[in-house]
């Protein structure tokens, strides 16, 4: 009997080279993801600044209680 694999031609080495180029493209995509992570850190900093504003509001409430 003939197995399924023997009826199919082997892939050329050029196809392997094309896959390696694709791997490079994926690495570039990884760099883009890192940039997105930096953007998320900026958003966290903005939230921290907002927390500072809330603390200031709390001080105002304490001052009002002393009056």
PDB file of N, CA and C in Angstrom:
ATOM      1  N   UNK A   1       0.835  -1.211   0.000  1.00  0.00           N
ATOM      2  CA  UNK A   1       0.000   0.000   0.000  1.00  0.00           C
ATOM      3  C   UNK A   1       0.872   1.264   0.000  1.00  0.00           C
ATOM      4  N   UNK A   2       0.328   2.317  -0.568  1.00  0.00           N
ATOM      5  CA  UNK A   2       1.047   3.597  -0.625  1.00  0.00           C
ATOM      6  C   UNK A   2       0.446   4.530   0.417  1.00  0.00           C
ATOM      7  N   UNK A   3       1.315   5.138   1.275  1.00  0.00           N
ATOM      8  CA  UNK A   3       0.806   6.056   2.295  1.00  0.00           C
ATOM      9  C   UNK A   3       0.505   7.417   1.667  1.00  0.00           C
ATOM     10  N   UNK A   4      -0.292   8.186   2.324  1.00  0.00           N
ATOM     11  CA  UNK A   4      -0.692   9.498   1.789  1.00  0.00           C
ATOM     12  C   UNK A   4       0.514  10.404   1.574  1.00  0.00           C
ATOM     13  N   UNK A   5       1.507  10.343   2.457  1.00  0.00           N
ATOM     14  CA  UNK A   5       2.661  11.216   2.367  1.00  0.00           C
ATOM     15  C   UNK A   5       3.502  10.990   1.128  1.00  0.00           C
ATOM     16  N   UNK A   6       3.543   9.779   0.604  1.00  0.00           N
ATOM     17  CA  UNK A   6       4.391   9.483  -0.556  1.00  0.00           C
ATOM     18  C   UNK A   6       3.825  10.074  -1.836  1.00  0.00           C
ATOM     19  N   UNK A   7       2.524  10.353  -1.908  1.00  0.00           N
ATOM     20  CA  UNK A   7       1.908  10.908  -3.105  1.00  0.00           C
ATOM     21  C   UNK A   7       2.131  12.422  -3.210  1.00  0.00           C
ATOM     22  N   UNK A   8       2.518  13.070  -2.127  1.00  0.00           N
ATOM     23  CA  UNK A   8       2.652  14.519  -2.125  1.00  0.00           C
ATOM     24  C   UNK A   8       4.108  14.929  -2.352  1.00  0.00           C
ATOM     25  N   UNK A   9       4.355  15.976  -3.169  1.00  0.00           N
ATOM     26  CA  UNK A   9       5.726  16.453  -3.369  1.00  0.00           C
ATOM     27  C   UNK A   9       6.238  17.143  -2.107  1.00  0.00           C
ATOM     28  N   UNK A  10       7.533  17.042  -1.881  1.00  0.00           N
ATOM     29  CA  UNK A  10       8.118  17.700  -0.719  1.00  0.00           C
ATOM     30  C   UNK A  10       8.167  19.211  -0.943  1.00  0.00           C
ATOM     31  N   UNK A  11       8.045  19.974   0.136  1.00  0.00           N
ATOM     32  CA  UNK A  11       8.123  21.424   0.011  1.00  0.00           C
ATOM     33  C   UNK A  11       9.565  21.842  -0.263  1.00  0.00           C
ATOM     34  N   UNK A  12       9.731  22.902  -1.029  1.00  0.00           N
ATOM     35  CA  UNK A  12      11.077  23.377  -1.351  1.00  0.00           C
ATOM     36  C   UNK A  12      11.642  24.157  -0.164  1.00  0.00           C
ATOM     37  N   UNK A  13      12.959  24.353  -0.175  1.00  0.00           N
ATOM     38  CA  UNK A  13      13.607  25.123   0.889  1.00  0.00           C
ATOM     39  C   UNK A  13      13.224  26.599   0.827  1.00  0.00           C
ATOM     40  N   UNK A  14      12.749  27.050  -0.348  1.00  0.00           N
ATOM     41  CA  UNK A  14      12.315  28.439  -0.476  1.00  0.00           C
ATOM     42  C   UNK A  14      11.129  28.718   0.455  1.00  0.00           C
ATOM     43  N   UNK A  15      10.278  27.724   0.636  1.00  0.00           N
ATOM     44  CA  UNK A  15       9.139  27.905   1.529  1.00  0.00           C
ATOM     45  C   UNK A  15       9.614  28.119   2.959  1.00  0.00           C
ATOM     46  N   UNK A  16      10.675  27.419   3.349  1.00  0.00           N
ATOM     47  CA  UNK A  16      11.222  27.583   4.697  1.00  0.00           C
ATOM     48  C   UNK A  16      11.762  29.002   4.866  1.00  0.00           C
ATOM     49  N   UNK A  17      12.420  29.539   3.824  1.00  0.00           N
ATOM     50  CA  UNK A  17      12.929  30.913   3.883  1.00  0.00           C
ATOM     51  C   UNK A  17      11.776  31.900   4.049  1.00  0.00           C
ATOM     52  N   UNK A  18      10.683  31.676   3.352  1.00  0.00           N
ATOM     53  CA  UNK A  18       9.520  32.553   3.461  1.00  0.00           C
ATOM     54  C   UNK A  18       8.975  32.544   4.891  1.00  0.00           C
ATOM     55  N   UNK A  19       8.983  31.389   5.530  1.00  0.00           N
ATOM     56  CA  UNK A  19       8.511  31.295   6.908  1.00  0.00           C
ATOM     57  C   UNK A  19       9.418  32.081   7.847  1.00  0.00           C
ATOM     58  N   UNK A  20      10.721  32.070   7.570  1.00  0.00           N
ATOM     59  CA  UNK A  20      11.652  32.825   8.406  1.00  0.00           C
ATOM     60  C   UNK A  20      11.389  34.322   8.302  1.00  0.00           C
ATOM     61  N   UNK A  21      11.058  34.786   7.102  1.00  0.00           N
ATOM     62  CA  UNK A  21      10.715  36.198   6.919  1.00  0.00           C
ATOM     63  C   UNK A  21       9.460  36.525   7.731  1.00  0.00           C
ATOM     64  N   UNK A  22       8.511  35.611   7.721  1.00  0.00           N
ATOM     65  CA  UNK A  22       7.296  35.806   8.508  1.00  0.00           C
ATOM     66  C   UNK A  22       7.610  35.923   9.990  1.00  0.00           C
ATOM     67  N   UNK A  23       8.595  35.157  10.452  1.00  0.00           N
ATOM     68  CA  UNK A  23       9.002  35.248  11.854  1.00  0.00           C
ATOM     69  C   UNK A  23       9.531  36.639  12.189  1.00  0.00           C
ATOM     70  N   UNK A  24      10.256  37.243  11.256  1.00  0.00           N
ATOM     71  CA  UNK A  24      10.747  38.608  11.471  1.00  0.00           C
ATOM     72  C   UNK A  24       9.581  39.577  11.605  1.00  0.00           C
ATOM     73  N   UNK A  25       8.561  39.381  10.783  1.00  0.00           N
ATOM     74  CA  UNK A  25       7.390  40.249  10.840  1.00  0.00           C
ATOM     75  C   UNK A  25       6.709  40.146  12.208  1.00  0.00           C
ATOM     76  N   UNK A  26       6.661  38.935  12.761  1.00  0.00           N
ATOM     77  CA  UNK A  26       6.042  38.757  14.073  1.00  0.00           C
ATOM     78  C   UNK A  26       6.836  39.491  15.152  1.00  0.00           C
ATOM     79  N   UNK A  27       8.152  39.519  15.011  1.00  0.00           N
ATOM     80  CA  UNK A  27       8.973  40.240  15.979  1.00  0.00           C
ATOM     81  C   UNK A  27       8.656  41.727  15.952  1.00  0.00           C
ATOM     82  N   UNK A  28       8.464  42.262  14.765  1.00  0.00           N
ATOM     83  CA  UNK A  28       8.096  43.671  14.633  1.00  0.00           C
ATOM     84  C   UNK A  28       6.757  43.926  15.323  1.00  0.00           C
ATOM     85  N   UNK A  29       5.834  42.977  15.187  1.00  0.00           N
ATOM     86  CA  UNK A  29       4.547  43.107  15.868  1.00  0.00           C
ATOM     87  C   UNK A  29       4.720  43.138  17.382  1.00  0.00           C
ATOM     88  N   UNK A  30       5.681  42.370  17.877  1.00  0.00           N
ATOM     89  CA  UNK A  30       5.954  42.385  19.317  1.00  0.00           C
ATOM     90  C   UNK A  30       6.397  43.765  19.785  1.00  0.00           C
ATOM     91  N   UNK A  31       7.177  44.455  18.963  1.00  0.00           N
ATOM     92  CA  UNK A  31       7.598  45.815  19.300  1.00  0.00           C
ATOM     93  C   UNK A  31       6.386  46.734  19.418  1.00  0.00           C
ATOM     94  N   UNK A  32       5.429  46.568  18.522  1.00  0.00           N
ATOM     95  CA  UNK A  32       4.219  47.380  18.561  1.00  0.00           C
ATOM     96  C   UNK A  32       3.460  47.141  19.870  1.00  0.00           C
ATOM     97  N   UNK A  33       3.418  45.902  20.334  1.00  0.00           N
ATOM     98  CA  UNK A  33       2.731  45.585  21.580  1.00  0.00           C
ATOM     99  C   UNK A  33       3.416  46.269  22.760  1.00  0.00           C
ATOM    100  N   UNK A  34       4.737  46.362  22.724  1.00  0.00           N
ATOM    101  CA  UNK A  34       5.468  47.049  23.786  1.00  0.00           C
ATOM    102  C   UNK A  34       5.072  48.518  23.834  1.00  0.00           C
ATOM    103  N   UNK A  35       4.911  49.121  22.677  1.00  0.00           N
ATOM    104  CA  UNK A  35       4.497  50.525  22.610  1.00  0.00           C
ATOM    105  C   UNK A  35       3.114  50.696  23.236  1.00  0.00           C
ATOM    106  N   UNK A  36       2.222  49.751  22.989  1.00  0.00           N
ATOM    107  CA  UNK A  36       0.885  49.800  23.587  1.00  0.00           C
ATOM    108  C   UNK A  36       0.987  49.704  25.108  1.00  0.00           C
ATOM    109  N   UNK A  37       1.903  48.866  25.596  1.00  0.00           N
ATOM    110  CA  UNK A  37       2.102  48.762  27.041  1.00  0.00           C
ATOM    111  C   UNK A  37       2.533  50.088  27.646  1.00  0.00           C
ATOM    112  N   UNK A  38       3.380  50.850  26.937  1.00  0.00           N
ATOM    113  CA  UNK A  38       3.803  52.164  27.411  1.00  0.00           C
ATOM    114  C   UNK A  38       2.598  53.100  27.527  1.00  0.00           C
ATOM    115  N   UNK A  39       1.697  53.042  26.561  1.00  0.00           N
ATOM    116  CA  UNK A  39       0.490  53.870  26.591  1.00  0.00           C
ATOM    117  C   UNK A  39      -0.343  53.544  27.832  1.00  0.00           C
ATOM    118  N   UNK A  40      -0.442  52.270  28.193  1.00  0.00           N
ATOM    119  CA  UNK A  40      -1.207  51.875  29.375  1.00  0.00           C
ATOM    120  C   UNK A  40      -0.569  52.443  30.644  1.00  0.00           C
ATOM    121  N   UNK A  41       0.768  52.482  30.684  1.00  0.00           N
ATOM    122  CA  UNK A  41       1.444  53.050  31.850  1.00  0.00           C
ATOM    123  C   UNK A  41       1.124  54.529  31.990  1.00  0.00           C
ATOM    124  N   UNK A  42       1.019  55.240  30.870  1.00  0.00           N
ATOM    125  CA  UNK A  42       0.673  56.665  30.903  1.00  0.00           C
ATOM    126  C   UNK A  42      -0.718  56.839  31.502  1.00  0.00           C
ATOM    127  N   UNK A  43      -1.649  55.970  31.125  1.00  0.00           N
ATOM    128  CA  UNK A  43      -3.006  56.049  31.660  1.00  0.00           C
ATOM    129  C   UNK A  43      -3.009  55.831  33.175  1.00  0.00           C
ATOM    130  N   UNK A  44      -2.177  54.917  33.665  1.00  0.00           N
ATOM    131  CA  UNK A  44      -2.091  54.666  35.101  1.00  0.00           C
ATOM    132  C   UNK A  44      -1.566  55.902  35.819  1.00  0.00           C
ATOM    133  N   UNK A  45      -0.584  56.584  35.212  1.00  0.00           N
ATOM    134  CA  UNK A  45      -0.066  57.819  35.805  1.00  0.00           C
ATOM    135  C   UNK A  45      -1.170  58.861  35.915  1.00  0.00           C
ATOM    136  N   UNK A  46      -2.001  58.976  34.893  1.00  0.00           N
ATOM    137  CA  UNK A  46      -3.105  59.935  34.913  1.00  0.00           C
ATOM    138  C   UNK A  46      -4.055  59.617  36.067  1.00  0.00           C
ATOM    139  N   UNK A  47      -4.313  58.332  36.312  1.00  0.00           N
ATOM    140  CA  UNK A  47      -5.208  57.935  37.400  1.00  0.00           C
ATOM    141  C   UNK A  47      -4.587  58.291  38.759  1.00  0.00           C
ATOM    142  N   UNK A  48      -3.265  58.174  38.860  1.00  0.00           N
ATOM    143  CA  UNK A  48      -2.596  58.518  40.109  1.00  0.00           C
ATOM    144  C   UNK A  48      -2.761  60.010  40.393  1.00  0.00           C
ATOM    145  N   UNK A  49      -2.663  60.833  39.363  1.00  0.00           N
ATOM    146  CA  UNK A  49      -2.853  62.271  39.523  1.00  0.00           C
ATOM    147  C   UNK A  49      -4.278  62.551  40.003  1.00  0.00           C
ATOM    148  N   UNK A  50      -5.231  61.798  39.469  1.00  0.00           N
ATOM    149  CA  UNK A  50      -6.616  61.951  39.901  1.00  0.00           C
ATOM    150  C   UNK A  50      -6.768  61.611  41.378  1.00  0.00           C
ATOM    151  N   UNK A  51      -6.019  60.594  41.838  1.00  0.00           N
ATOM    152  CA  UNK A  51      -6.071  60.242  43.249  1.00  0.00           C
ATOM    153  C   UNK A  51      -5.575  61.380  44.124  1.00  0.00           C
ATOM    154  N   UNK A  52      -4.576  62.117  43.638  1.00  0.00           N
ATOM    155  CA  UNK A  52      -4.064  63.276  44.370  1.00  0.00           C
ATOM    156  C   UNK A  52      -5.144  64.343  44.525  1.00  0.00           C
ATOM    157  N   UNK A  53      -5.947  64.531  43.485  1.00  0.00           N
ATOM    158  CA  UNK A  53      -7.027  65.510  43.533  1.00  0.00           C
ATOM    159  C   UNK A  53      -8.058  65.105  44.589  1.00  0.00           C
ATOM    160  N   UNK A  54      -8.333  63.815  44.695  1.00  0.00           N
ATOM    161  CA  UNK A  54      -9.306  63.349  45.677  1.00  0.00           C
ATOM    162  C   UNK A  54      -8.812  63.623  47.100  1.00  0.00           C
ATOM    163  N   UNK A  55      -7.504  63.465  47.308  1.00  0.00           N
ATOM    164  CA  UNK A  55      -6.951  63.743  48.625  1.00  0.00           C
ATOM    165  C   UNK A  55      -7.126  65.213  48.977  1.00  0.00           C
ATOM    166  N   UNK A  56      -6.929  66.080  47.999  1.00  0.00           N
ATOM    167  CA  UNK A  56      -7.101  67.515  48.225  1.00  0.00           C
ATOM    168  C   UNK A  56      -8.552  67.813  48.610  1.00  0.00           C
ATOM    169  N   UNK A  57      -9.502  67.136  47.952  1.00  0.00           N
ATOM    170  CA  UNK A  57     -10.914  67.329  48.280  1.00  0.00           C
ATOM    171  C   UNK A  57     -11.186  66.894  49.717  1.00  0.00           C
ATOM    172  N   UNK A  58     -10.517  65.822  50.141  1.00  0.00           N
ATOM    173  CA  UNK A  58     -10.701  65.351  51.505  1.00  0.00           C
ATOM    174  C   UNK A  58     -10.230  66.403  52.521  1.00  0.00           C
ATOM    175  N   UNK A  59      -9.139  67.092  52.194  1.00  0.00           N
ATOM    176  CA  UNK A  59      -8.643  68.150  53.074  1.00  0.00           C
ATOM    177  C   UNK A  59      -9.688  69.261  53.200  1.00  0.00           C
ATOM    178  N   UNK A  60     -10.319  69.588  52.094  1.00  0.00           N
ATOM    179  CA  UNK A  60     -11.345  70.633  52.110  1.00  0.00           C
ATOM    180  C   UNK A  60     -12.492  70.239  53.041  1.00  0.00           C
ATOM    181  N   UNK A  61     -12.876  68.965  53.035  1.00  0.00           N
ATOM    182  CA  UNK A  61     -13.960  68.512  53.901  1.00  0.00           C
ATOM    183  C   UNK A  61     -13.558  68.624  55.374  1.00  0.00           C
ATOM    184  N   UNK A  62     -12.299  68.313  55.666  1.00  0.00           N
ATOM    185  CA  UNK A  62     -11.833  68.421  57.045  1.00  0.00           C
ATOM    186  C   UNK A  62     -11.842  69.884  57.503  1.00  0.00           C
ATOM    187  N   UNK A  63     -11.453  70.777  56.602  1.00  0.00           N
ATOM    188  CA  UNK A  63     -11.453  72.200  56.936  1.00  0.00           C
ATOM    189  C   UNK A  63     -12.881  72.668  57.217  1.00  0.00           C
ATOM    190  N   UNK A  64     -13.844  72.167  56.433  1.00  0.00           N
ATOM    191  CA  UNK A  64     -15.234  72.545  56.626  1.00  0.00           C
ATOM    192  C   UNK A  64     -15.749  72.056  57.974  1.00  0.00           C
ATOM    193  N   UNK A  65     -15.261  70.887  58.400  1.00  0.00           N
ATOM    194  CA  UNK A  65     -15.731  70.357  59.675  1.00  0.00           C
ATOM    195  C   UNK A  65     -15.224  71.197  60.853  1.00  0.00           C
ATOM    196  N   UNK A  66     -14.077  71.840  60.660  1.00  0.00           N
ATOM    197  CA  UNK A  66     -13.518  72.644  61.758  1.00  0.00           C
ATOM    198  C   UNK A  66     -14.219  73.969  61.937  1.00  0.00           C
ATOM    199  N   UNK A  67     -14.997  74.363  60.923  1.00  0.00           N
ATOM    200  CA  UNK A  67     -15.653  75.682  61.008  1.00  0.00           C
ATOM    201  C   UNK A  67     -16.855  75.599  61.927  1.00  0.00           C
TER     202      UNK A  67
END
